[in-house]
Protein backbone atom coordinates (compact mmCIF):
# COMPACT_ATOMS: atom_id res chain seq x y z
CA UNK A 1 204.13 55.55 -39.21
CA UNK A 2 206.44 57.56 -36.44
CA UNK A 3 208.39 55.26 -34.74
CA UNK A 4 206.64 56.51 -31.17
CA UNK A 5 203.55 55.11 -32.21
CA UNK A 6 204.70 52.26 -33.27
CA UNK A 7 205.71 51.76 -30.02
CA UNK A 8 203.02 52.73 -28.00
CA UNK A 9 200.81 50.75 -30.43
CA UNK A 10 202.63 48.24 -29.90
CA UNK A 11 203.20 48.70 -26.06
CA UNK A 12 199.42 48.03 -26.23
CA UNK A 13 199.40 44.59 -28.47
CA UNK A 14 201.58 42.82 -25.96
CA UNK A 15 199.43 44.15 -22.91
CA UNK A 16 196.94 42.35 -24.59
CA UNK A 17 196.60 38.70 -22.22
CA UNK A 18 197.40 35.46 -24.46
CA UNK A 19 194.02 34.18 -25.52
CA UNK A 20 196.36 30.80 -26.64
CA UNK A 21 194.62 31.15 -29.69
CA UNK A 22 195.95 30.22 -33.42
CA UNK A 23 194.96 33.61 -34.06
CA UNK A 24 196.40 34.57 -30.32
CA UNK A 25 199.84 33.15 -31.44
CA UNK A 26 198.77 34.37 -35.46
CA UNK A 27 198.79 38.64 -34.35
CA UNK A 28 201.39 38.25 -32.91
CA UNK A 29 203.50 36.67 -34.86
CA UNK A 30 202.43 38.95 -37.40
CA UNK A 31 203.63 42.57 -34.74
CA UNK A 32 206.64 40.90 -34.39
CA UNK A 33 207.50 40.58 -38.00
CA UNK A 34 206.42 43.53 -38.54
CA UNK A 35 208.71 44.79 -35.96
CA UNK A 36 211.76 42.95 -36.90
CA UNK A 37 211.04 44.63 -40.64
CA UNK A 38 210.70 47.89 -38.89
CA UNK A 39 214.38 47.81 -37.42
CA UNK A 40 215.69 45.72 -40.57
CA UNK A 41 214.85 49.28 -42.33
CA UNK A 42 216.64 51.66 -39.53
CA UNK A 43 219.79 49.41 -39.42
CA UNK A 44 220.04 49.80 -43.45
CA UNK A 45 219.86 53.44 -43.04
CA UNK A 46 222.02 53.76 -39.66
CA UNK A 47 224.20 50.38 -39.29
CA UNK A 48 225.08 48.97 -36.37
CA UNK A 49 228.49 48.38 -35.89
CA UNK A 50 229.60 44.44 -34.50
CA UNK A 51 231.51 44.55 -31.27
């Protein structure tokens, strides 16, 4: 999945209002986990320098 597709899909998913259900919280948690996994992969390709 390309980064543009990922950003667009994430934006679409986050625009859905929260429902306050366990299912909703689990879906958000999976989304956040997937984003961090992709970010970690990017960091491996191009490490970020410490400030």
